């Protein structure tokens, strides 16, 4: 990599909303919602194997202490 390259000029392969690879698209309202919200196919590991070098993962702590991935309203 060119040491004189500015960070703003560099390109990075990233996986937007990486955790949506785990959403299923089964029938029903949740399946339809998941299909609408899904940005990725495959696990996080598969996304890295496919060349992603940065993952957009946004954890959210629920009131019951469970941590889930959350991005937007869905």
N, C-alpha and C. Protein backbone atom coordinates (compact mmCIF):
# COMPACT_ATOMS: atom_id res chain seq x y z
N UNK A 1 0.85 -1.17 0.00
CA UNK A 1 0.00 0.00 0.00
C UNK A 1 0.89 1.24 0.00
N UNK A 2 0.49 2.22 -0.72
CA UNK A 2 1.23 3.47 -0.83
C UNK A 2 1.17 4.21 0.51
N UNK A 3 2.32 4.46 1.16
CA UNK A 3 2.30 5.14 2.45
C UNK A 3 1.85 6.60 2.36
N UNK A 4 1.82 7.17 1.15
CA UNK A 4 1.38 8.55 0.97
C UNK A 4 -0.12 8.67 0.67
N UNK A 5 -0.78 7.52 0.56
CA UNK A 5 -2.21 7.51 0.26
C UNK A 5 -3.00 7.99 1.47
N UNK A 6 -3.87 8.96 1.26
CA UNK A 6 -4.73 9.45 2.34
C UNK A 6 -5.83 8.43 2.61
N UNK A 7 -6.24 8.33 3.85
CA UNK A 7 -7.30 7.40 4.21
C UNK A 7 -8.56 7.66 3.39
N UNK A 8 -8.87 8.91 3.13
CA UNK A 8 -10.06 9.27 2.35
C UNK A 8 -9.95 8.80 0.90
N UNK A 9 -8.76 8.48 0.44
CA UNK A 9 -8.56 8.02 -0.94
C UNK A 9 -8.50 6.50 -1.05
N UNK A 10 -8.47 5.81 0.07
CA UNK A 10 -8.35 4.35 0.07
C UNK A 10 -9.72 3.70 -0.09
N UNK A 11 -9.75 2.52 -0.68
CA UNK A 11 -10.97 1.75 -0.83
C UNK A 11 -10.92 0.55 0.10
N UNK A 12 -12.05 0.25 0.72
CA UNK A 12 -12.15 -0.89 1.62
C UNK A 12 -13.39 -1.70 1.26
N UNK A 13 -13.26 -3.01 1.21
CA UNK A 13 -14.41 -3.88 0.99
C UNK A 13 -15.06 -4.11 2.34
N UNK A 14 -16.29 -3.64 2.49
CA UNK A 14 -16.99 -3.78 3.76
C UNK A 14 -18.31 -4.52 3.55
N UNK A 15 -18.84 -5.03 4.63
CA UNK A 15 -20.10 -5.76 4.61
C UNK A 15 -21.12 -4.96 5.41
N UNK A 16 -21.99 -4.24 4.71
CA UNK A 16 -23.00 -3.41 5.37
C UNK A 16 -24.04 -4.30 6.04
N UNK A 17 -24.36 -3.98 7.29
CA UNK A 17 -25.38 -4.70 8.03
C UNK A 17 -25.09 -6.21 8.01
N UNK A 18 -23.86 -6.55 8.39
CA UNK A 18 -23.34 -7.91 8.25
C UNK A 18 -24.18 -8.98 8.95
N UNK A 19 -24.80 -8.65 10.06
CA UNK A 19 -25.56 -9.66 10.82
C UNK A 19 -26.83 -10.10 10.11
N UNK A 20 -27.29 -9.38 9.10
CA UNK A 20 -28.52 -9.79 8.41
C UNK A 20 -28.32 -11.07 7.62
N UNK A 21 -27.09 -11.52 7.45
CA UNK A 21 -26.86 -12.80 6.80
C UNK A 21 -27.49 -13.96 7.56
N UNK A 22 -27.77 -13.76 8.84
CA UNK A 22 -28.37 -14.80 9.67
C UNK A 22 -29.89 -14.79 9.63
N UNK A 23 -30.52 -13.78 9.02
CA UNK A 23 -31.98 -13.73 8.95
C UNK A 23 -32.50 -14.78 7.97
N UNK A 24 -33.58 -15.45 8.35
CA UNK A 24 -34.19 -16.40 7.42
C UNK A 24 -35.30 -15.69 6.66
N UNK A 25 -35.65 -16.25 5.53
CA UNK A 25 -36.71 -15.65 4.72
C UNK A 25 -37.88 -16.63 4.63
N UNK A 26 -38.22 -17.23 5.77
CA UNK A 26 -39.34 -18.16 5.80
C UNK A 26 -40.65 -17.41 5.66
N UNK A 27 -41.72 -18.14 5.48
CA UNK A 27 -43.04 -17.53 5.30
C UNK A 27 -43.50 -16.77 6.52
N UNK A 28 -44.50 -15.95 6.33
CA UNK A 28 -45.09 -15.19 7.44
C UNK A 28 -44.57 -13.77 7.46
N UNK A 29 -45.10 -13.02 8.39
CA UNK A 29 -44.74 -11.60 8.48
C UNK A 29 -43.26 -11.43 8.79
N UNK A 30 -42.74 -12.20 9.75
CA UNK A 30 -41.32 -12.04 10.08
C UNK A 30 -40.43 -12.43 8.91
N UNK A 31 -40.81 -13.46 8.16
CA UNK A 31 -40.04 -13.86 6.99
C UNK A 31 -40.03 -12.78 5.92
N UNK A 32 -41.19 -12.17 5.67
CA UNK A 32 -41.29 -11.09 4.69
C UNK A 32 -40.49 -9.87 5.15
N UNK A 33 -40.58 -9.56 6.44
CA UNK A 33 -39.81 -8.44 6.98
C UNK A 33 -38.32 -8.72 6.87
N UNK A 34 -37.91 -9.94 7.21
CA UNK A 34 -36.50 -10.30 7.10
C UNK A 34 -36.01 -10.19 5.67
N UNK A 35 -36.82 -10.64 4.72
CA UNK A 35 -36.44 -10.57 3.31
C UNK A 35 -36.24 -9.11 2.89
N UNK A 36 -37.11 -8.22 3.36
CA UNK A 36 -37.00 -6.80 3.06
C UNK A 36 -35.74 -6.19 3.68
N UNK A 37 -35.41 -6.60 4.91
CA UNK A 37 -34.31 -6.00 5.66
C UNK A 37 -32.96 -6.62 5.37
N UNK A 38 -32.94 -7.78 4.76
CA UNK A 38 -31.70 -8.55 4.59
C UNK A 38 -30.79 -7.90 3.54
N UNK A 39 -29.53 -7.64 3.94
CA UNK A 39 -28.55 -7.06 3.04
C UNK A 39 -27.47 -8.05 2.62
N UNK A 40 -27.25 -9.08 3.41
CA UNK A 40 -26.16 -10.01 3.17
C UNK A 40 -26.67 -11.44 3.08
N UNK A 41 -25.89 -12.27 2.41
CA UNK A 41 -26.16 -13.70 2.33
C UNK A 41 -24.98 -14.41 2.95
N UNK A 42 -25.24 -15.31 3.88
CA UNK A 42 -24.17 -16.07 4.50
C UNK A 42 -23.75 -15.51 5.84
N UNK A 43 -23.06 -16.34 6.57
CA UNK A 43 -22.58 -15.97 7.90
C UNK A 43 -21.50 -14.89 7.81
N UNK A 44 -21.16 -14.32 8.95
CA UNK A 44 -20.08 -13.34 9.00
C UNK A 44 -18.78 -13.99 8.50
N UNK A 45 -18.54 -15.23 8.91
CA UNK A 45 -17.35 -15.95 8.44
C UNK A 45 -17.33 -16.03 6.92
N UNK A 46 -18.48 -16.38 6.31
CA UNK A 46 -18.55 -16.47 4.85
C UNK A 46 -18.31 -15.11 4.20
N UNK A 47 -18.82 -14.05 4.80
CA UNK A 47 -18.60 -12.71 4.25
C UNK A 47 -17.11 -12.37 4.25
N UNK A 48 -16.41 -12.76 5.33
CA UNK A 48 -14.96 -12.53 5.38
C UNK A 48 -14.24 -13.40 4.35
N UNK A 49 -14.69 -14.64 4.20
CA UNK A 49 -14.11 -15.53 3.18
C UNK A 49 -14.31 -14.96 1.78
N UNK A 50 -15.43 -14.26 1.58
CA UNK A 50 -15.74 -13.68 0.27
C UNK A 50 -15.01 -12.38 0.00
N UNK A 51 -14.24 -11.89 0.99
CA UNK A 51 -13.40 -10.71 0.74
C UNK A 51 -13.69 -9.49 1.57
N UNK A 52 -14.78 -9.49 2.35
CA UNK A 52 -15.05 -8.33 3.21
C UNK A 52 -13.92 -8.18 4.22
N UNK A 53 -13.49 -6.96 4.44
CA UNK A 53 -12.42 -6.70 5.39
C UNK A 53 -12.86 -5.79 6.53
N UNK A 54 -14.13 -5.41 6.51
CA UNK A 54 -14.72 -4.65 7.61
C UNK A 54 -16.18 -5.07 7.70
N UNK A 55 -16.68 -5.17 8.92
CA UNK A 55 -18.06 -5.60 9.14
C UNK A 55 -18.83 -4.49 9.85
N UNK A 56 -20.01 -4.18 9.33
CA UNK A 56 -20.91 -3.23 9.96
C UNK A 56 -21.83 -4.03 10.88
N UNK A 57 -21.48 -4.09 12.16
CA UNK A 57 -22.25 -4.82 13.16
C UNK A 57 -22.58 -3.84 14.28
N UNK A 58 -23.86 -3.72 14.59
CA UNK A 58 -24.29 -2.75 15.59
C UNK A 58 -25.04 -3.46 16.71
N UNK A 59 -24.34 -3.78 17.79
CA UNK A 59 -25.00 -4.49 18.89
C UNK A 59 -25.95 -3.57 19.67
N UNK A 60 -26.99 -4.19 20.21
CA UNK A 60 -27.96 -3.46 21.04
C UNK A 60 -28.24 -4.31 22.28
N UNK A 61 -28.23 -3.69 23.44
CA UNK A 61 -28.51 -4.37 24.69
C UNK A 61 -30.00 -4.22 24.99
N UNK A 62 -30.70 -5.35 25.07
CA UNK A 62 -32.12 -5.32 25.40
C UNK A 62 -32.30 -5.20 26.91
N UNK A 63 -33.50 -4.84 27.33
CA UNK A 63 -33.78 -4.65 28.76
C UNK A 63 -33.58 -5.92 29.58
N UNK A 64 -33.71 -7.09 28.94
CA UNK A 64 -33.54 -8.34 29.68
C UNK A 64 -32.07 -8.79 29.73
N UNK A 65 -31.16 -7.97 29.21
CA UNK A 65 -29.74 -8.28 29.26
C UNK A 65 -29.21 -9.01 28.03
N UNK A 66 -30.07 -9.34 27.09
CA UNK A 66 -29.66 -10.02 25.86
C UNK A 66 -29.05 -9.00 24.89
N UNK A 67 -27.99 -9.40 24.23
CA UNK A 67 -27.38 -8.55 23.21
C UNK A 67 -27.79 -9.09 21.85
N UNK A 68 -28.34 -8.22 21.01
CA UNK A 68 -28.75 -8.58 19.66
C UNK A 68 -28.10 -7.60 18.69
N UNK A 69 -28.05 -8.01 17.43
CA UNK A 69 -27.60 -7.07 16.39
C UNK A 69 -28.80 -6.28 15.93
N UNK A 70 -28.63 -4.98 15.79
CA UNK A 70 -29.73 -4.09 15.47
C UNK A 70 -29.25 -3.03 14.51
N UNK A 71 -30.04 -2.77 13.48
CA UNK A 71 -29.66 -1.74 12.50
C UNK A 71 -30.94 -1.16 11.94
N UNK A 72 -31.24 0.06 12.29
CA UNK A 72 -32.47 0.69 11.81
C UNK A 72 -33.67 0.25 12.62
N UNK A 73 -34.84 0.40 12.04
CA UNK A 73 -36.07 0.11 12.79
C UNK A 73 -36.44 -1.37 12.78
N UNK A 74 -35.86 -2.13 11.87
CA UNK A 74 -36.18 -3.57 11.78
C UNK A 74 -35.11 -4.38 12.48
